Amino acid sequence: MKKLMLYIILFLLSAEADLYSQKIVHKDNYTFQVQKEVGDLNNDKQDDKIMVEMDVDDETRPLRLQIFLSQPDKKLKLVVSSTKIIESQYPVDKKGEHNGNPIPAFFIEDGNLKMLTDINNRKSSYEFRLKQNNFELIKISRVIWDGKETTSETEIDLIKGTKSEYDRDFSPHKKNIKNTQLKQIKALPKIQDLRFSDLEKL
């Protein structure tokens, strides 16, 4: 009888633990792969990986950026996961309408991570460097076309604290150049802390 009671108690404890473990498991709904990019980000001559995935079960179609870095054992480790850096395809404030912009593209170039966006016909490039497993925003380049023959371009260097604005037509020469010294930045913005709306304000 004592053994039976002991078995019943153990069974109930096991069932409760199993139920608790089921409650804390979160289903990964980001099942649709939008982009996959491989290249060396941490300068160890091993491929790292960038993934952009969409949650197709959510009617707003949110997107997630994940960055995996190679480790000494040649396995990949997740170091960044952000659902803030890319705007949902059908934002709540648009009431079912598409946001009107293409999904940003990510590239690895010269060991740095680049994010390319096209927001309201303004094309921007955001460059991030890897430092202590953080991707810090270091440069921004923007260009917008006036629909005729002139583009307005902006180059921001967050390390030097400089901003250069100029126009360019079909000639290679810059026109109406305006150089600005930015306020000193104490800490460079990290990719996991940035929202898509933050980028457009920079």
C-alpha atoms as a PDB file:
ATOM      1  CA  MET A   1       0.000   0.000   0.000  1.00  0.00           C
ATOM      2  CA  LYS A   2       2.814   2.375   0.866  1.00  0.00           C
ATOM      3  CA  LYS A   3       4.545   1.556  -2.426  1.00  0.00           C
ATOM      4  CA  LEU A   4       1.325   2.253  -4.322  1.00  0.00           C
ATOM      5  CA  MET A   5       0.907   5.628  -2.622  1.00  0.00           C
ATOM      6  CA  LEU A   6       4.522   6.471  -3.391  1.00  0.00           C
ATOM      7  CA  TYR A   7       4.019   5.632  -7.073  1.00  0.00           C
ATOM      8  CA  ILE A   8       0.882   7.779  -7.207  1.00  0.00           C
ATOM      9  CA  ILE A   9       2.670  10.755  -5.631  1.00  0.00           C
ATOM     10  CA  LEU A  10       5.628  10.385  -8.025  1.00  0.00           C
ATOM     11  CA  PHE A  11       3.249  10.136 -10.986  1.00  0.00           C
ATOM     12  CA  LEU A  12       1.376  13.293  -9.954  1.00  0.00           C
ATOM     13  CA  LEU A  13       4.627  15.221  -9.429  1.00  0.00           C
ATOM     14  CA  SER A  14       5.903  14.062 -12.811  1.00  0.00           C
ATOM     15  CA  ALA A  15       2.648  15.048 -14.532  1.00  0.00           C
ATOM     16  CA  GLU A  16       2.718  18.487 -12.884  1.00  0.00           C
ATOM     17  CA  ALA A  17       6.334  19.049 -13.937  1.00  0.00           C
ATOM     18  CA  ASP A  18       5.480  17.988 -17.491  1.00  0.00           C
ATOM     19  CA  LEU A  19       2.496  20.351 -17.572  1.00  0.00           C
ATOM     20  CA  TYR A  20       4.681  23.218 -16.310  1.00  0.00           C
ATOM     21  CA  SER A  21       7.335  22.523 -18.938  1.00  0.00           C
ATOM     22  CA  GLN A  22       4.666  22.601 -21.656  1.00  0.00           C
ATOM     23  CA  LYS A  23       3.441  25.980 -20.453  1.00  0.00           C
ATOM     24  CA  ILE A  24       6.851  27.632 -20.729  1.00  0.00           C
ATOM     25  CA  VAL A  25       7.622  26.285 -24.221  1.00  0.00           C
ATOM     26  CA  HIS A  26       7.075  29.013 -26.796  1.00  0.00           C
ATOM     27  CA  LYS A  27       6.353  27.948 -30.345  1.00  0.00           C
ATOM     28  CA  ASP A  28       8.605  29.546 -32.938  1.00  0.00           C
ATOM     29  CA  ASN A  29       6.206  30.995 -35.488  1.00  0.00           C
ATOM     30  CA  TYR A  30       8.897  32.602 -37.649  1.00  0.00           C
ATOM     31  CA  THR A  31       8.768  29.766 -40.140  1.00  0.00           C
ATOM     32  CA  PHE A  32       9.048  31.486 -43.540  1.00  0.00           C
ATOM     33  CA  GLN A  33      12.614  32.217 -44.646  1.00  0.00           C
ATOM     34  CA  VAL A  34      12.886  35.592 -46.386  1.00  0.00           C
ATOM     35  CA  GLN A  35      16.685  35.808 -46.651  1.00  0.00           C
ATOM     36  CA  LYS A  36      19.749  33.810 -45.717  1.00  0.00           C
ATOM     37  CA  GLU A  37      23.232  35.302 -46.010  1.00  0.00           C
ATOM     38  CA  VAL A  38      26.529  33.660 -45.143  1.00  0.00           C
ATOM     39  CA  GLY A  39      29.992  35.170 -44.787  1.00  0.00           C
ATOM     40  CA  ASP A  40      32.742  35.888 -42.285  1.00  0.00           C
ATOM     41  CA  LEU A  41      31.737  38.499 -39.705  1.00  0.00           C
ATOM     42  CA  ASN A  42      34.105  37.656 -36.840  1.00  0.00           C
ATOM     43  CA  ASN A  43      37.258  37.268 -38.939  1.00  0.00           C
ATOM     44  CA  ASP A  44      37.860  33.605 -38.106  1.00  0.00           C
ATOM     45  CA  LYS A  45      37.692  32.387 -41.737  1.00  0.00           C
ATOM     46  CA  GLN A  46      34.503  30.458 -40.944  1.00  0.00           C
ATOM     47  CA  ASP A  47      31.056  31.186 -42.331  1.00  0.00           C
ATOM     48  CA  ASP A  48      28.654  33.088 -40.100  1.00  0.00           C
ATOM     49  CA  LYS A  49      24.944  33.305 -40.901  1.00  0.00           C
ATOM     50  CA  ILE A  50      22.277  35.985 -41.134  1.00  0.00           C
ATOM     51  CA  MET A  51      18.623  34.965 -41.236  1.00  0.00           C
ATOM     52  CA  VAL A  52      15.505  37.034 -41.927  1.00  0.00           C
ATOM     53  CA  GLU A  53      12.288  35.152 -41.225  1.00  0.00           C
ATOM     54  CA  MET A  54       8.577  35.999 -41.230  1.00  0.00           C
ATOM     55  CA  ASP A  55       5.746  34.916 -38.959  1.00  0.00           C
ATOM     56  CA  VAL A  56       3.047  34.042 -41.509  1.00  0.00           C
ATOM     57  CA  ASP A  57       0.532  33.095 -38.805  1.00  0.00           C
ATOM     58  CA  ASP A  58       0.415  36.665 -37.505  1.00  0.00           C
ATOM     59  CA  GLU A  59      -1.771  38.887 -39.718  1.00  0.00           C
ATOM     60  CA  THR A  60       0.701  41.788 -39.372  1.00  0.00           C
ATOM     61  CA  ARG A  61       3.463  39.572 -40.878  1.00  0.00           C
ATOM     62  CA  PRO A  62       6.248  40.537 -38.435  1.00  0.00           C
ATOM     63  CA  LEU A  63       9.872  39.819 -39.351  1.00  0.00           C
ATOM     64  CA  ARG A  64      12.807  38.634 -37.285  1.00  0.00           C
ATOM     65  CA  LEU A  65      16.516  39.166 -37.845  1.00  0.00           C
ATOM     66  CA  GLN A  66      18.900  36.592 -36.385  1.00  0.00           C
ATOM     67  CA  ILE A  67      22.700  36.569 -36.544  1.00  0.00           C
ATOM     68  CA  PHE A  68      24.738  33.450 -35.843  1.00  0.00           C
ATOM     69  CA  LEU A  69      28.506  33.567 -35.310  1.00  0.00           C
ATOM     70  CA  SER A  70      30.887  30.640 -35.734  1.00  0.00           C
ATOM     71  CA  GLN A  71      32.591  29.360 -32.588  1.00  0.00           C
ATOM     72  CA  PRO A  72      35.973  27.628 -32.018  1.00  0.00           C
ATOM     73  CA  ASP A  73      34.171  24.257 -32.231  1.00  0.00           C
ATOM     74  CA  LYS A  74      32.895  25.350 -35.698  1.00  0.00           C
ATOM     75  CA  LYS A  75      29.291  25.430 -34.491  1.00  0.00           C
ATOM     76  CA  LEU A  76      27.099  28.495 -34.936  1.00  0.00           C
ATOM     77  CA  LYS A  77      25.910  30.483 -31.927  1.00  0.00           C
ATOM     78  CA  LEU A  78      22.944  32.872 -31.938  1.00  0.00           C
ATOM     79  CA  VAL A  79      24.201  36.310 -30.816  1.00  0.00           C
ATOM     80  CA  VAL A  80      21.438  38.619 -32.087  1.00  0.00           C
ATOM     81  CA  SER A  81      17.701  38.120 -32.399  1.00  0.00           C
ATOM     82  CA  SER A  82      15.542  41.164 -33.119  1.00  0.00           C
ATOM     83  CA  THR A  83      11.925  41.644 -34.130  1.00  0.00           C
ATOM     84  CA  LYS A  84      12.225  45.451 -33.875  1.00  0.00           C
ATOM     85  CA  ILE A  85      14.755  46.310 -36.582  1.00  0.00           C
ATOM     86  CA  ILE A  86      12.377  45.467 -39.476  1.00  0.00           C
ATOM     87  CA  GLU A  87       8.871  46.888 -39.810  1.00  0.00           C
ATOM     88  CA  SER A  88       5.975  44.427 -40.046  1.00  0.00           C
ATOM     89  CA  GLN A  89       4.555  44.035 -43.546  1.00  0.00           C
ATOM     90  CA  TYR A  90       1.041  44.985 -42.384  1.00  0.00           C
ATOM     91  CA  PRO A  91       1.515  47.244 -39.332  1.00  0.00           C
ATOM     92  CA  VAL A  92      -1.355  47.636 -36.877  1.00  0.00           C
ATOM     93  CA  ASP A  93      -1.531  51.391 -37.511  1.00  0.00           C
ATOM     94  CA  LYS A  94      -2.057  50.761 -41.244  1.00  0.00           C
ATOM     95  CA  LYS A  95      -5.279  48.813 -40.476  1.00  0.00           C
ATOM     96  CA  GLY A  96      -4.613  45.922 -42.830  1.00  0.00           C
ATOM     97  CA  GLU A  97      -2.729  47.895 -45.473  1.00  0.00           C
ATOM     98  CA  HIS A  98       0.813  47.005 -46.573  1.00  0.00           C
ATOM     99  CA  ASN A  99       3.546  49.342 -45.300  1.00  0.00           C
ATOM    100  CA  GLY A 100       4.405  50.166 -48.904  1.00  0.00           C
ATOM    101  CA  ASN A 101       8.115  49.337 -48.659  1.00  0.00           C
ATOM    102  CA  PRO A 102      10.220  46.308 -49.642  1.00  0.00           C
ATOM    103  CA  ILE A 103      11.738  44.120 -46.932  1.00  0.00           C
ATOM    104  CA  PRO A 104      15.288  45.304 -46.059  1.00  0.00           C
ATOM    105  CA  ALA A 105      18.200  43.260 -47.398  1.00  0.00           C
ATOM    106  CA  PHE A 106      21.283  42.256 -45.402  1.00  0.00           C
ATOM    107  CA  PHE A 107      24.800  41.725 -46.770  1.00  0.00           C
ATOM    108  CA  ILE A 108      28.255  40.973 -45.459  1.00  0.00           C
ATOM    109  CA  GLU A 109      30.903  43.215 -46.985  1.00  0.00           C
ATOM    110  CA  ASP A 110      34.528  43.617 -45.876  1.00  0.00           C
ATOM    111  CA  GLY A 111      33.720  41.864 -42.610  1.00  0.00           C
ATOM    112  CA  ASN A 112      30.906  44.280 -41.721  1.00  0.00           C
ATOM    113  CA  LEU A 113      27.146  43.817 -41.779  1.00  0.00           C
ATOM    114  CA  LYS A 114      25.123  46.061 -44.088  1.00  0.00           C
ATOM    115  CA  MET A 115      21.385  46.639 -44.044  1.00  0.00           C
ATOM    116  CA  LEU A 116      19.788  48.183 -47.144  1.00  0.00           C
ATOM    117  CA  THR A 117      16.357  49.814 -46.936  1.00  0.00           C
ATOM    118  CA  ASP A 118      14.053  51.614 -49.349  1.00  0.00           C
ATOM    119  CA  ILE A 119      11.598  53.699 -47.312  1.00  0.00           C
ATOM    120  CA  ASN A 120       9.332  56.061 -49.251  1.00  0.00           C
ATOM    121  CA  ASN A 121      11.805  55.992 -52.174  1.00  0.00           C
ATOM    122  CA  ARG A 122      14.732  57.001 -49.944  1.00  0.00           C
ATOM    123  CA  LYS A 123      17.403  54.338 -50.203  1.00  0.00           C
ATOM    124  CA  SER A 124      19.599  53.904 -47.127  1.00  0.00           C
ATOM    125  CA  SER A 125      22.582  51.748 -46.235  1.00  0.00           C
ATOM    126  CA  TYR A 126      23.368  51.064 -42.570  1.00  0.00           C
ATOM    127  CA  GLU A 127      26.767  49.602 -41.768  1.00  0.00           C
ATOM    128  CA  PHE A 128      27.439  47.704 -38.530  1.00  0.00           C
ATOM    129  CA  ARG A 129      30.740  46.503 -37.113  1.00  0.00           C
ATOM    130  CA  LEU A 130      31.149  43.555 -34.780  1.00  0.00           C
ATOM    131  CA  LYS A 131      32.621  44.417 -31.399  1.00  0.00           C
ATOM    132  CA  GLN A 132      32.441  42.079 -28.380  1.00  0.00           C
ATOM    133  CA  ASN A 133      29.519  40.135 -29.888  1.00  0.00           C
ATOM    134  CA  ASN A 134      27.615  43.385 -30.496  1.00  0.00           C
ATOM    135  CA  PHE A 135      26.893  44.897 -33.886  1.00  0.00           C
ATOM    136  CA  GLU A 136      27.408  48.651 -33.596  1.00  0.00           C
ATOM    137  CA  LEU A 137      26.075  51.109 -36.165  1.00  0.00           C
ATOM    138  CA  ILE A 138      29.023  53.033 -37.596  1.00  0.00           C
ATOM    139  CA  LYS A 139      27.942  54.499 -40.961  1.00  0.00           C
ATOM    140  CA  ILE A 140      24.786  55.593 -42.766  1.00  0.00           C
ATOM    141  CA  SER A 141      24.518  56.447 -46.460  1.00  0.00           C
ATOM    142  CA  ARG A 142      21.324  57.747 -48.055  1.00  0.00           C
ATOM    143  CA  VAL A 143      20.198  58.768 -51.514  1.00  0.00           C
ATOM    144  CA  ILE A 144      16.918  60.084 -52.869  1.00  0.00           C
ATOM    145  CA  TRP A 145      16.163  60.995 -56.502  1.00  0.00           C
ATOM    146  CA  ASP A 146      14.137  64.090 -57.370  1.00  0.00           C
ATOM    147  CA  GLY A 147      12.514  62.315 -60.320  1.00  0.00           C
ATOM    148  CA  LYS A 148      14.449  64.373 -62.833  1.00  0.00           C
ATOM    149  CA  GLU A 149      18.241  64.427 -62.965  1.00  0.00           C
ATOM    150  CA  THR A 150      19.466  65.123 -59.439  1.00  0.00           C
ATOM    151  CA  THR A 151      20.001  62.919 -56.419  1.00  0.00           C
ATOM    152  CA  SER A 152      20.407  64.223 -52.892  1.00  0.00           C
ATOM    153  CA  GLU A 153      22.918  62.180 -50.926  1.00  0.00           C
ATOM    154  CA  THR A 154      23.863  61.994 -47.249  1.00  0.00           C
ATOM    155  CA  GLU A 155      26.832  60.301 -45.588  1.00  0.00           C
ATOM    156  CA  ILE A 156      27.007  59.949 -41.803  1.00  0.00           C
ATOM    157  CA  ASP A 157      30.059  58.623 -39.964  1.00  0.00           C
ATOM    158  CA  LEU A 158      29.106  57.926 -36.355  1.00  0.00           C
ATOM    159  CA  ILE A 159      32.679  57.188 -35.279  1.00  0.00           C
ATOM    160  CA  LYS A 160      34.041  60.488 -36.613  1.00  0.00           C
ATOM    161  CA  GLY A 161      30.825  62.321 -35.767  1.00  0.00           C
ATOM    162  CA  THR A 162      30.470  63.835 -39.230  1.00  0.00           C
ATOM    163  CA  LYS A 163      27.565  64.345 -41.616  1.00  0.00           C
ATOM    164  CA  SER A 164      27.988  65.330 -45.269  1.00  0.00           C
ATOM    165  CA  GLU A 165      25.073  66.322 -47.510  1.00  0.00           C
ATOM    166  CA  TYR A 166      25.319  67.109 -51.205  1.00  0.00           C
ATOM    167  CA  ASP A 167      23.571  66.920 -54.579  1.00  0.00           C
ATOM    168  CA  ARG A 168      24.768  65.086 -57.640  1.00  0.00           C
ATOM    169  CA  ASP A 169      23.503  65.093 -61.221  1.00  0.00           C
ATOM    170  CA  PHE A 170      24.786  63.120 -64.208  1.00  0.00           C
ATOM    171  CA  SER A 171      28.288  64.483 -63.625  1.00  0.00           C
ATOM    172  CA  PRO A 172      30.618  62.887 -61.039  1.00  0.00           C
ATOM    173  CA  HIS A 173      30.967  66.152 -59.116  1.00  0.00           C
ATOM    174  CA  LYS A 174      29.275  66.910 -55.796  1.00  0.00           C
ATOM    175  CA  LYS A 175      27.253  70.128 -55.551  1.00  0.00           C
ATOM    176  CA  ASN A 176      25.795  72.195 -52.709  1.00  0.00           C
ATOM    177  CA  ILE A 177      28.038  70.459 -50.211  1.00  0.00           C
ATOM    178  CA  LYS A 178      27.120  70.890 -46.554  1.00  0.00           C
ATOM    179  CA  ASN A 179      29.332  69.403 -43.838  1.00  0.00           C
ATOM    180  CA  THR A 180      28.135  69.153 -40.232  1.00  0.00           C
ATOM    181  CA  GLN A 181      29.859  68.096 -37.019  1.00  0.00           C
ATOM    182  CA  LEU A 182      27.512  65.899 -35.002  1.00  0.00           C
ATOM    183  CA  LYS A 183      27.136  65.873 -31.245  1.00  0.00           C
ATOM    184  CA  GLN A 184      29.493  63.418 -29.606  1.00  0.00           C
ATOM    185  CA  ILE A 185      27.970  59.975 -29.191  1.00  0.00           C
ATOM    186  CA  LYS A 186      28.875  58.227 -25.936  1.00  0.00           C
ATOM    187  CA  ALA A 187      27.950  54.756 -27.187  1.00  0.00           C
ATOM    188  CA  LEU A 188      27.310  53.567 -30.730  1.00  0.00           C
ATOM    189  CA  PRO A 189      23.775  52.199 -31.271  1.00  0.00           C
ATOM    190  CA  LYS A 190      23.556  48.388 -31.187  1.00  0.00           C
ATOM    191  CA  ILE A 191      21.487  46.553 -33.764  1.00  0.00           C
ATOM    192  CA  GLN A 192      19.460  44.655 -31.154  1.00  0.00           C
ATOM    193  CA  ASP A 193      18.401  47.932 -29.494  1.00  0.00           C
ATOM    194  CA  LEU A 194      17.310  49.729 -32.662  1.00  0.00           C
ATOM    195  CA  ARG A 195      13.775  49.931 -34.021  1.00  0.00           C
ATOM    196  CA  PHE A 196      13.119  50.496 -37.719  1.00  0.00           C
ATOM    197  CA  SER A 197      11.655  53.912 -36.805  1.00  0.00           C
ATOM    198  CA  ASP A 198      14.868  54.832 -34.968  1.00  0.00           C
ATOM    199  CA  LEU A 199      16.907  54.293 -38.130  1.00  0.00           C
ATOM    200  CA  GLU A 200      14.824  56.708 -40.158  1.00  0.00           C
ATOM    201  CA  LYS A 201      15.389  59.433 -37.555  1.00  0.00           C
ATOM    202  CA  LEU A 202      19.179  59.154 -37.604  1.00  0.00           C
END
